[in-house]
Amino acid sequence: MTGKDEPRTGPTGPFSRLRGWGGVTAMAAACAVTASLTLLPLSHSGKDAFGGEISGPGTTRGVQTRADNCTDPDASLRPSTADGRTIDRIKARGKLIAGVDQNSFQWGYRNPESRDLEGFDIDLVRAIAEDILGDRNDVIFRAIPTNQRIAALENDKVDVVVRTMTINCARLDQVSFSTAYFQAGQQVLAPKESTITGYNSSLAGKRVCTAEGSTAYEALEKQSFGSVFKDKHDGTDADEDLLTVPNQLDCLVRLQMGEVDAIVTDNALAAGQAAQDPAVELKGDKPFTTEYYGVATKKGADDLVARVNQVLVGYRAGGKDSPWMRSYRKWLQDGLPGITAPPVPKYRSN
């Protein structure tokens, strides 16, 4: 055991001052560290928990310029059951090390009663472990912030990242991805009584929170509609972590404390946050982007990517009774109704 989370407080007071449902308090209390999970500390010194440069706003790493030769980022390697260097290493260790979230409700979160990690992403991790190692419990979970997902892979601290991570060309310069396992899109989350109506001019002058290193931050950089979304000292030792935060749950806390006016995030994550607090809601009729989540690996770990794609073939198979659909109905259907099938996989032609 590496330690225990201290009760979280914000600049203006503790959780007891939050408005809305108390689910966030329970979620924060549920984030204690166990022997099977390692929390990775943040740093504003320009270094991540692994000694590399931090990925996120205000830094030179993170999401870089779109790769010139990337025209179809969602296309991945063809499925294969063949072993290779990465698979052999996992088998020799006897455990799959997975980078996950532990505070994204219904995706990757710690059940406050059982203390187990649960959610849609966690189900997929266990399916991968069962295929490679024969036991769905042969997993070491490591909770990693949004802005350290890439560093965790580059520094061999995890084998896979299964953490609502969007596939895009820029990230393919740094990591490899499986085929898509979920379709999402960016959307605005705000209090129900807010005058904000969506990703539009109603954001003018509003304080908007995003996670560091997220595609939501990139979207605001391209079109902010006059909103305020950057901390004064982003990317420096004095970073306030108010508008750009390490984890999405931090944005919900900021919103509940009245420190920000809205959140921009994946609608899949926002639906979970709305389920935690009925005082907030998704704004706008639909997401303003289309994004696909993939399982990320270290760049060049082709044997593991192909094996994960093979796992996903079986995970999608079976129609309404597929493991994917069962997991969707269990975790996501209430907040994201109407999904009838997983994304269709796309494979490279070469």
Protein backbone atom coordinates (compact mmCIF):
# COMPACT_ATOMS: atom_id res chain seq x y z
CA MET A 1 0.00 0.00 0.00
CA THR A 2 1.42 3.33 -1.05
CA GLY A 3 -0.73 5.59 1.05
CA LYS A 4 -4.20 6.99 1.42
CA ASP A 5 -5.92 9.94 -0.16
CA GLU A 6 -6.51 12.84 2.19
CA PRO A 7 -10.00 14.39 2.24
CA ARG A 8 -10.14 16.78 -0.67
CA THR A 9 -10.64 20.48 -0.18
CA GLY A 10 -10.85 23.35 -2.61
CA PRO A 11 -9.58 26.92 -2.39
CA THR A 12 -12.82 28.10 -0.80
CA GLY A 13 -13.82 25.17 1.37
CA PRO A 14 -14.24 21.40 1.83
CA PHE A 15 -16.68 19.02 0.18
CA SER A 16 -19.33 19.78 2.77
CA ARG A 17 -19.91 23.10 1.02
CA LEU A 18 -20.63 21.56 -2.36
CA ARG A 19 -24.03 21.95 -3.90
CA GLY A 20 -25.90 19.10 -5.52
CA TRP A 21 -25.98 15.41 -4.75
CA GLY A 22 -23.37 13.97 -2.39
CA GLY A 23 -22.14 11.37 -4.84
CA VAL A 24 -18.93 13.26 -5.50
CA THR A 25 -18.10 13.20 -1.80
CA ALA A 26 -18.63 9.47 -1.79
CA MET A 27 -16.53 9.13 -4.92
CA ALA A 28 -13.66 11.07 -3.40
CA ALA A 29 -13.82 9.03 -0.23
CA ALA A 30 -13.79 5.90 -2.35
CA CYS A 31 -10.47 6.78 -3.97
CA ALA A 32 -8.27 5.30 -1.25
CA VAL A 33 -5.24 3.44 -2.56
CA THR A 34 -5.13 -0.33 -2.30
CA ALA A 35 -2.34 -2.81 -2.82
CA SER A 36 -3.51 -3.49 -6.37
CA LEU A 37 -3.45 0.17 -7.41
CA THR A 38 -0.76 2.82 -7.56
CA LEU A 39 -1.56 6.53 -7.64
CA LEU A 40 0.80 8.61 -9.72
CA PRO A 41 1.58 12.03 -8.23
CA LEU A 42 1.34 15.18 -10.28
CA SER A 43 4.12 17.70 -10.62
CA HIS A 44 4.26 21.26 -11.91
CA SER A 45 8.02 21.14 -12.29
CA GLY A 46 7.68 20.17 -15.95
CA LYS A 47 8.25 16.51 -15.12
CA ASP A 48 5.69 13.78 -14.82
CA ALA A 49 5.64 10.98 -12.25
CA PHE A 50 7.97 8.98 -14.51
CA GLY A 51 10.64 11.60 -15.13
CA GLY A 52 9.38 12.59 -18.57
CA GLU A 53 7.93 15.90 -19.68
CA ILE A 54 4.33 16.43 -18.65
CA SER A 55 1.75 16.16 -21.43
CA GLY A 56 -0.78 18.95 -21.26
CA PRO A 57 -1.50 22.59 -21.93
CA GLY A 58 1.51 24.85 -21.79
CA THR A 59 3.99 22.08 -22.51
CA THR A 60 5.81 20.95 -25.62
CA ARG A 61 4.73 17.32 -25.31
CA GLY A 62 1.20 15.99 -25.14
CA VAL A 63 -0.77 16.41 -28.31
CA GLN A 64 1.50 17.54 -31.10
CA THR A 65 0.88 18.71 -34.66
CA ARG A 66 -1.17 16.26 -36.72
CA ALA A 67 1.07 13.70 -38.39
CA ASP A 68 1.43 14.31 -42.12
CA ASN A 69 0.99 10.65 -43.02
CA CYS A 70 -2.04 10.04 -40.80
CA THR A 71 -5.29 10.11 -42.72
CA ASP A 72 -7.36 7.48 -40.91
CA PRO A 73 -6.38 7.35 -37.22
CA ASP A 74 -9.17 4.93 -36.28
CA ALA A 75 -7.71 2.19 -38.49
CA SER A 76 -5.59 -0.26 -36.51
CA LEU A 77 -3.67 -3.50 -36.99
CA ARG A 78 -5.53 -6.62 -37.98
CA PRO A 79 -6.42 -8.99 -35.12
CA SER A 80 -3.98 -11.74 -34.20
CA THR A 81 -3.50 -14.32 -31.47
CA ALA A 82 0.25 -14.50 -32.07
CA ASP A 83 2.59 -13.82 -29.18
CA GLY A 84 5.46 -11.38 -29.39
CA ARG A 85 7.90 -9.51 -27.20
CA THR A 86 5.26 -7.51 -25.32
CA ILE A 87 2.90 -10.43 -24.83
CA ASP A 88 5.80 -12.60 -23.66
CA ARG A 89 6.75 -10.01 -21.06
CA ILE A 90 3.19 -9.86 -19.73
CA LYS A 91 3.00 -13.66 -19.51
CA ALA A 92 6.36 -13.87 -17.73
CA ARG A 93 5.17 -11.30 -15.20
CA GLY A 94 1.86 -13.07 -14.76
CA LYS A 95 -0.04 -9.80 -14.57
CA LEU A 96 -1.38 -7.24 -17.03
CA ILE A 97 -0.61 -3.72 -15.83
CA ALA A 98 -3.40 -1.37 -16.85
CA GLY A 99 -3.57 2.40 -16.56
CA VAL A 100 -7.13 3.36 -15.67
CA ASP A 101 -9.22 6.03 -14.00
CA GLN A 102 -10.67 5.50 -10.55
CA ASN A 103 -13.02 8.47 -10.38
CA SER A 104 -14.97 8.45 -13.66
CA PHE A 105 -18.40 7.23 -12.64
CA GLN A 106 -19.52 4.16 -14.63
CA TRP A 107 -16.25 4.04 -16.60
CA GLY A 108 -13.52 3.46 -14.05
CA TYR A 109 -14.40 4.15 -10.43
CA ARG A 110 -14.03 2.63 -6.99
CA ASN A 111 -17.22 1.17 -5.61
CA PRO A 112 -17.61 2.78 -2.16
CA GLU A 113 -19.11 -0.40 -0.71
CA SER A 114 -17.01 -3.19 -2.21
CA ARG A 115 -13.88 -1.03 -2.67
CA ASP A 116 -13.43 -2.69 -6.07
CA LEU A 117 -12.68 -0.84 -9.29
CA GLU A 118 -15.68 -1.10 -11.59
CA GLY A 119 -17.03 0.29 -14.84
CA PHE A 120 -17.12 -0.10 -18.60
CA ASP A 121 -13.36 0.38 -19.04
CA ILE A 122 -12.59 -1.99 -16.17
CA ASP A 123 -14.69 -4.75 -17.79
CA LEU A 124 -12.62 -4.40 -20.96
CA VAL A 125 -9.33 -4.55 -19.06
CA ARG A 126 -10.42 -7.78 -17.41
CA ALA A 127 -11.38 -9.26 -20.79
CA ILE A 128 -7.89 -8.50 -22.11
CA ALA A 129 -6.27 -10.06 -19.03
CA GLU A 130 -8.41 -13.18 -19.35
CA ASP A 131 -7.45 -13.65 -22.99
CA ILE A 132 -3.70 -13.22 -22.45
CA LEU A 133 -3.31 -14.79 -19.01
CA GLY A 134 -6.37 -16.99 -18.59
CA ASP A 135 -7.71 -15.13 -15.55
CA ARG A 136 -9.67 -11.87 -15.58
CA ASN A 137 -8.26 -11.03 -12.16
CA ASP A 138 -4.61 -11.15 -13.25
CA VAL A 139 -4.46 -7.35 -13.41
CA ILE A 140 -2.52 -4.64 -11.62
CA PHE A 141 -4.52 -1.43 -11.88
CA ARG A 142 -2.66 1.86 -11.82
CA ALA A 143 -4.74 5.03 -11.55
CA ILE A 144 -3.25 7.74 -13.74
CA PRO A 145 -4.32 11.34 -14.36
CA THR A 146 -5.44 12.39 -17.83
CA ASN A 147 -2.23 14.30 -18.52
CA GLN A 148 0.04 11.33 -17.70
CA ARG A 149 -1.53 8.59 -19.80
CA ILE A 150 1.10 8.84 -22.54
CA ALA A 151 4.02 9.11 -20.12
CA ALA A 152 2.88 5.96 -18.31
CA LEU A 153 3.15 4.03 -21.57
CA GLU A 154 6.37 5.60 -22.75
CA ASN A 155 8.10 4.79 -19.46
CA ASP A 156 6.84 1.18 -19.32
CA LYS A 157 4.83 1.73 -16.15
CA VAL A 158 1.72 0.22 -17.75
CA ASP A 159 1.09 -2.20 -20.61
CA VAL A 160 -2.19 -0.63 -21.69
CA VAL A 161 -4.18 2.50 -20.97
CA VAL A 162 -7.93 1.92 -20.95
CA ARG A 163 -9.16 5.29 -19.81
CA THR A 164 -11.65 6.91 -22.20
CA MET A 165 -8.68 7.89 -24.39
CA THR A 166 -9.54 9.39 -27.76
CA ILE A 167 -7.73 8.09 -30.83
CA ASN A 168 -6.28 10.85 -32.99
CA CYS A 169 -3.40 11.42 -35.38
CA ALA A 170 -1.42 13.52 -32.95
CA ARG A 171 -1.43 10.86 -30.25
CA LEU A 172 -0.44 8.22 -32.80
CA ASP A 173 2.91 9.99 -32.98
CA GLN A 174 3.47 8.85 -29.38
CA VAL A 175 1.43 5.69 -28.73
CA SER A 176 -0.33 2.90 -30.60
CA PHE A 177 -4.07 2.27 -30.47
CA SER A 178 -6.45 -0.62 -30.85
CA THR A 179 -9.56 -0.34 -32.95
CA ALA A 180 -12.28 1.86 -31.48
CA TYR A 181 -14.28 0.39 -28.62
CA PHE A 182 -16.61 3.37 -28.03
CA GLN A 183 -17.87 6.42 -29.90
CA ALA A 184 -18.15 9.69 -27.97
CA GLY A 185 -18.05 13.41 -28.60
CA GLN A 186 -17.36 16.70 -26.84
CA GLN A 187 -20.25 18.43 -25.11
CA VAL A 188 -20.85 21.14 -22.51
CA LEU A 189 -21.93 20.32 -18.95
CA ALA A 190 -23.39 23.15 -16.85
CA PRO A 191 -25.95 23.79 -14.10
CA LYS A 192 -29.53 23.30 -15.24
CA GLU A 193 -30.40 26.92 -14.46
CA SER A 194 -27.40 28.25 -16.41
CA THR A 195 -27.90 30.53 -19.43
CA ILE A 196 -25.34 28.39 -21.29
CA THR A 197 -27.08 26.52 -24.09
CA GLY A 198 -24.21 24.58 -25.62
CA TYR A 199 -20.89 24.96 -27.38
CA ASN A 200 -21.73 28.37 -28.77
CA SER A 201 -21.68 32.10 -28.06
CA SER A 202 -23.48 31.52 -24.75
CA LEU A 203 -20.03 30.58 -23.39
CA ALA A 204 -18.76 34.17 -23.84
CA GLY A 205 -17.17 35.39 -20.64
CA LYS A 206 -17.84 32.09 -18.86
CA ARG A 207 -15.19 30.14 -16.94
CA VAL A 208 -14.82 26.71 -18.53
CA CYS A 209 -13.02 23.74 -16.96
CA THR A 210 -11.23 20.98 -18.88
CA ALA A 211 -8.76 18.23 -18.03
CA GLU A 212 -5.11 18.82 -18.90
CA GLY A 213 -4.02 16.95 -22.01
CA SER A 214 -7.61 16.40 -23.14
CA THR A 215 -9.22 16.83 -26.53
CA ALA A 216 -11.69 19.19 -24.85
CA TYR A 217 -8.85 21.63 -24.17
CA GLU A 218 -7.76 21.36 -27.80
CA ALA A 219 -11.30 22.17 -28.94
CA LEU A 220 -11.38 25.32 -26.84
CA GLU A 221 -7.99 26.37 -28.18
CA LYS A 222 -9.48 26.24 -31.67
CA GLN A 223 -12.78 27.92 -30.78
CA SER A 224 -13.44 29.29 -27.30
CA PHE A 225 -16.43 31.55 -28.10
CA GLY A 226 -14.91 34.14 -25.79
CA SER A 227 -14.83 31.84 -22.77
CA VAL A 228 -12.05 31.81 -20.18
CA PHE A 229 -10.46 28.35 -20.14
CA LYS A 230 -6.74 28.82 -19.41
CA ASP A 231 -5.23 29.25 -15.98
CA LYS A 232 -2.93 32.24 -15.70
CA HIS A 233 0.13 30.08 -15.09
CA ASP A 234 -0.69 26.99 -17.15
CA GLY A 235 2.30 24.71 -17.58
CA THR A 236 4.44 26.37 -14.87
CA ASP A 237 5.23 25.65 -11.24
CA ALA A 238 2.52 28.17 -10.28
CA ASP A 239 -0.26 26.45 -12.29
CA GLU A 240 -3.48 27.12 -10.39
CA ASP A 241 -5.20 23.89 -11.54
CA LEU A 242 -8.51 25.74 -11.51
CA LEU A 243 -9.63 25.82 -15.13
CA THR A 244 -7.26 23.10 -16.39
CA VAL A 245 -7.17 20.22 -13.92
CA PRO A 246 -5.52 16.79 -13.70
CA ASN A 247 -8.76 14.77 -13.71
CA GLN A 248 -12.31 15.26 -14.95
CA LEU A 249 -13.85 14.79 -11.50
CA ASP A 250 -11.93 17.88 -10.40
CA CYS A 251 -13.96 19.87 -12.95
CA LEU A 252 -17.23 18.70 -11.42
CA VAL A 253 -16.02 19.72 -7.99
CA ARG A 254 -15.04 23.16 -9.32
CA LEU A 255 -18.48 23.50 -10.92
CA GLN A 256 -20.26 22.54 -7.72
CA MET A 257 -18.19 25.03 -5.73
CA GLY A 258 -19.11 27.81 -8.15
CA GLU A 259 -15.50 28.31 -9.23
CA VAL A 260 -16.27 27.58 -12.89
CA ASP A 261 -19.43 28.02 -14.95
CA ALA A 262 -19.20 25.01 -17.24
CA ILE A 263 -17.23 21.93 -18.20
CA VAL A 264 -16.29 20.77 -21.67
CA THR A 265 -15.62 17.05 -21.83
CA ASP A 266 -16.63 13.87 -23.64
CA ASN A 267 -20.38 13.38 -23.48
CA ALA A 268 -19.72 9.86 -22.19
CA LEU A 269 -17.92 11.24 -19.14
CA ALA A 270 -20.33 14.15 -18.76
CA ALA A 271 -23.27 11.74 -18.59
CA GLY A 272 -21.61 10.04 -15.63
CA GLN A 273 -21.03 13.38 -13.93
CA ALA A 274 -24.65 14.38 -14.51
CA ALA A 275 -25.69 11.10 -12.90
CA GLN A 276 -23.62 12.06 -9.85
CA ASP A 277 -25.24 15.49 -9.56
CA PRO A 278 -28.81 16.06 -10.77
CA ALA A 279 -28.27 19.84 -10.54
CA VAL A 280 -26.21 19.75 -13.77
CA GLU A 281 -27.02 18.66 -17.31
CA LEU A 282 -25.60 18.27 -20.79
CA LYS A 283 -26.14 21.40 -22.89
CA GLY A 284 -26.88 21.29 -26.61
CA ASP A 285 -28.77 18.69 -28.60
CA LYS A 286 -25.73 16.58 -29.43
CA PRO A 287 -21.92 16.48 -29.19
CA PHE A 288 -20.03 18.92 -31.40
CA THR A 289 -17.29 16.41 -32.27
CA THR A 290 -17.10 12.71 -33.07
CA GLU A 291 -14.37 10.84 -31.24
CA TYR A 292 -13.48 7.20 -30.70
CA TYR A 293 -11.92 5.63 -27.61
CA GLY A 294 -9.16 3.08 -28.09
CA VAL A 295 -6.93 0.92 -25.93
CA ALA A 296 -3.52 2.60 -25.98
CA THR A 297 -0.19 0.78 -25.82
CA LYS A 298 3.43 1.82 -26.05
CA LYS A 299 4.21 2.89 -29.60
CA GLY A 300 5.37 -0.09 -31.64
CA ALA A 301 3.91 -2.78 -29.35
CA ASP A 302 2.29 -4.32 -32.40
CA ASP A 303 1.83 -7.79 -30.93
CA LEU A 304 -0.18 -6.37 -28.02
CA VAL A 305 -2.24 -4.09 -30.28
CA ALA A 306 -3.12 -7.00 -32.58
CA ARG A 307 -3.99 -9.16 -29.56
CA VAL A 308 -6.24 -6.48 -28.07
CA ASN A 309 -7.95 -6.19 -31.46
CA GLN A 310 -8.53 -9.95 -31.37
CA VAL A 311 -10.06 -9.60 -27.92
CA LEU A 312 -12.32 -6.85 -29.23
CA VAL A 313 -13.53 -9.11 -32.06
CA GLY A 314 -14.94 -11.50 -29.49
CA TYR A 315 -16.04 -8.70 -27.19
CA ARG A 316 -18.24 -7.20 -29.91
CA ALA A 317 -19.60 -10.55 -31.15
CA GLY A 318 -23.03 -11.81 -30.17
CA GLY A 319 -25.31 -8.93 -31.04
CA LYS A 320 -27.45 -7.85 -28.08
CA ASP A 321 -25.87 -10.57 -25.93
CA SER A 322 -22.26 -9.62 -26.68
CA PRO A 323 -19.95 -8.83 -23.76
CA TRP A 324 -19.80 -5.25 -25.08
CA MET A 325 -23.57 -4.82 -25.01
CA ARG A 326 -23.88 -6.44 -21.58
CA SER A 327 -21.29 -4.05 -20.20
CA TYR A 328 -22.99 -1.11 -21.90
CA ARG A 329 -26.38 -1.99 -20.41
CA LYS A 330 -24.87 -2.43 -16.95
CA TRP A 331 -22.85 0.78 -16.81
CA LEU A 332 -23.80 3.27 -19.51
CA GLN A 333 -27.30 2.77 -20.87
CA ASP A 334 -29.06 4.95 -18.28
CA GLY A 335 -26.89 7.97 -19.03
CA LEU A 336 -26.28 7.29 -22.73
CA PRO A 337 -29.42 5.56 -24.01
CA GLY A 338 -30.07 4.45 -27.55
CA ILE A 339 -26.76 2.78 -28.43
CA THR A 340 -27.51 -0.47 -30.24
CA ALA A 341 -24.03 -1.72 -31.15
CA PRO A 342 -20.33 -1.01 -30.62
CA PRO A 343 -18.33 0.91 -33.24
CA VAL A 344 -17.44 -1.11 -36.32
CA PRO A 345 -13.68 -1.82 -36.33
CA LYS A 346 -11.47 -0.37 -39.04
CA TYR A 347 -8.22 -2.02 -40.07
CA ARG A 348 -5.20 -0.81 -41.99
CA SER A 349 -4.82 -1.98 -45.54
CA ASN A 350 -1.06 -2.47 -45.21
